[in-house]
Amino acid sequence: MSIVDLARPLVRQVVERPSLQTGEASIALGSVRHRRLRPCANAFAYSSYFLRLPLRELHHALGSARLISHNRWNVLSFHDRDHGPRDGKSLSEWIDALLREHGVEDADGPVWLHAFPRVLGYVFNPVSF
């Protein structure tokens, strides 16, 4: 049994909650695939899931979910310190500062992060988009 099989009932429970049906936050199911030819051929594919989170409204988007938390332990959780500068500060403030450093002063629209959540407190972040 894979983690996706274990997560399916949780996914159904979370996406049925009204606060998460609005497009503010979601759990996406998909697959991870990898193939390499050197130094020896290898390939794999497996089912996976990730969170799609609005950074500017993150606390509001996850505030009423019972099994997903922001910056605190839960079955699934998202911690600011696992991403960006990894210092625990607000990721939306970090993104805004980064944009200003590069001369972008008028970016006030939504910022979405696609990332793996912590599962029962364990973090695994191979990549975030």
Protein backbone atom coordinates (compact mmCIF):
# COMPACT_ATOMS: atom_id res chain seq x y z
CA MET A 1 0.00 0.00 0.00
CA SER A 2 1.44 3.38 -1.03
CA ILE A 3 1.25 6.72 0.77
CA VAL A 4 -1.26 7.84 -1.88
CA ASP A 5 -3.54 4.92 -1.01
CA LEU A 6 -3.30 5.91 2.64
CA ALA A 7 -3.94 9.58 1.78
CA ARG A 8 -7.04 9.08 -0.41
CA PRO A 9 -9.56 9.12 2.48
CA LEU A 10 -7.79 12.19 3.88
CA VAL A 11 -7.86 13.87 0.48
CA ARG A 12 -11.61 13.24 0.19
CA GLN A 13 -12.18 14.65 3.67
CA VAL A 14 -10.07 17.74 3.01
CA VAL A 15 -11.43 18.63 -0.42
CA GLU A 16 -15.01 18.26 0.80
CA ARG A 17 -14.44 21.03 3.35
CA PRO A 18 -16.02 24.26 2.02
CA SER A 19 -12.99 26.42 2.85
CA LEU A 20 -10.80 24.32 0.55
CA GLN A 21 -13.25 24.00 -2.35
CA THR A 22 -12.85 27.65 -3.31
CA GLY A 23 -9.54 27.10 -5.10
CA GLU A 24 -7.60 28.66 -2.25
CA ALA A 25 -5.72 25.46 -1.41
CA SER A 26 -5.88 21.91 -2.66
CA ILE A 27 -4.28 18.49 -2.61
CA ALA A 28 -3.31 17.25 -6.05
CA LEU A 29 -2.73 13.62 -6.96
CA GLY A 30 -0.28 12.65 -9.66
CA SER A 31 2.80 10.60 -10.39
CA VAL A 32 6.53 11.11 -10.16
CA ARG A 33 8.60 9.76 -13.03
CA HIS A 34 12.33 9.60 -13.52
CA ARG A 35 14.57 8.09 -16.17
CA ARG A 36 18.31 8.19 -16.63
CA LEU A 37 20.62 6.54 -19.11
CA ARG A 38 24.00 7.08 -17.43
CA PRO A 39 26.03 5.82 -15.67
CA CYS A 40 23.54 2.94 -15.81
CA ALA A 41 20.00 2.91 -17.11
CA ASN A 42 17.34 3.33 -14.46
CA ALA A 43 13.70 4.42 -14.45
CA PHE A 44 10.85 4.56 -11.99
CA ALA A 45 7.33 5.93 -11.63
CA TYR A 46 5.15 6.07 -8.54
CA SER A 47 1.96 7.71 -7.35
CA SER A 48 2.29 10.84 -5.28
CA TYR A 49 0.46 13.92 -4.06
CA PHE A 50 1.34 17.51 -3.19
CA LEU A 51 -0.25 20.60 -1.73
CA ARG A 52 -1.13 23.60 -3.88
CA LEU A 53 -1.02 26.58 -1.55
CA PRO A 54 -1.72 30.31 -1.94
CA LEU A 55 1.18 31.92 -0.05
CA ARG A 56 -0.47 35.32 0.44
CA GLU A 57 -3.58 33.76 2.05
CA LEU A 58 -1.99 30.64 3.51
CA HIS A 59 -3.15 30.98 7.10
CA HIS A 60 -6.72 31.69 5.98
CA ALA A 61 -6.69 28.86 3.41
CA LEU A 62 -5.68 26.19 5.94
CA GLY A 63 -7.26 27.73 9.03
CA SER A 64 -10.38 25.56 9.19
CA ALA A 65 -8.94 22.26 7.93
CA ARG A 66 -8.86 19.63 10.68
CA LEU A 67 -6.06 17.42 9.34
CA ILE A 68 -3.79 19.98 7.65
CA SER A 69 -2.03 22.71 9.63
CA HIS A 70 0.22 25.69 8.99
CA ASN A 71 3.36 25.90 11.15
CA ARG A 72 2.17 23.31 13.68
CA TRP A 73 2.03 19.51 13.90
CA ASN A 74 -0.81 17.61 12.28
CA VAL A 75 -1.37 14.59 10.04
CA LEU A 76 -0.32 16.82 7.14
CA SER A 77 1.38 20.13 7.82
CA PHE A 78 3.11 22.93 5.98
CA HIS A 79 5.91 24.79 7.75
CA ASP A 80 7.38 28.04 6.43
CA ARG A 81 10.82 26.99 7.72
CA ASP A 82 10.89 24.06 5.27
CA HIS A 83 10.91 26.38 2.22
CA GLY A 84 12.49 29.58 0.92
CA PRO A 85 15.18 30.97 3.23
CA ARG A 86 14.30 28.26 5.82
CA ASP A 87 14.30 30.73 8.70
CA GLY A 88 10.62 30.43 9.65
CA LYS A 89 9.64 33.89 8.42
CA SER A 90 6.56 34.40 6.24
CA LEU A 91 7.13 33.06 2.74
CA SER A 92 4.96 35.76 1.16
CA GLU A 93 7.14 38.44 2.77
CA TRP A 94 10.26 36.62 1.52
CA ILE A 95 8.84 36.45 -2.03
CA ASP A 96 7.93 40.15 -1.95
CA ALA A 97 11.44 41.09 -0.74
CA LEU A 98 13.02 38.92 -3.44
CA LEU A 99 10.89 40.57 -6.12
CA ARG A 100 11.80 44.06 -4.84
CA GLU A 101 15.52 43.11 -4.91
CA HIS A 102 15.07 42.43 -8.62
CA GLY A 103 13.19 45.66 -9.36
CA VAL A 104 9.63 44.27 -9.32
CA GLU A 105 7.62 46.69 -7.20
CA ASP A 106 4.05 46.09 -8.36
CA ALA A 107 3.65 42.31 -7.90
CA ASP A 108 0.66 42.03 -5.59
CA GLY A 109 -1.20 39.10 -7.18
CA PRO A 110 -1.47 35.53 -6.01
CA VAL A 111 1.66 33.46 -5.39
CA TRP A 112 1.13 29.69 -5.50
CA LEU A 113 3.45 27.05 -4.08
CA HIS A 114 3.27 23.40 -5.07
CA ALA A 115 5.09 21.38 -2.41
CA PHE A 116 5.08 18.19 -0.41
CA PRO A 117 3.63 18.55 3.09
CA ARG A 118 5.11 17.11 6.25
CA VAL A 119 3.45 13.78 7.02
CA LEU A 120 3.09 13.04 10.75
CA GLY A 121 5.85 15.58 11.35
CA TYR A 122 8.34 14.07 8.91
CA VAL A 123 9.59 16.38 6.16
CA PHE A 124 10.59 15.32 2.65
CA ASN A 125 11.14 18.18 0.19
CA PRO A 126 12.81 16.97 -2.97
CA VAL A 127 11.44 19.94 -4.93
CA SER A 128 8.95 22.80 -4.62
CA PHE A 129 7.47 24.93 -7.42
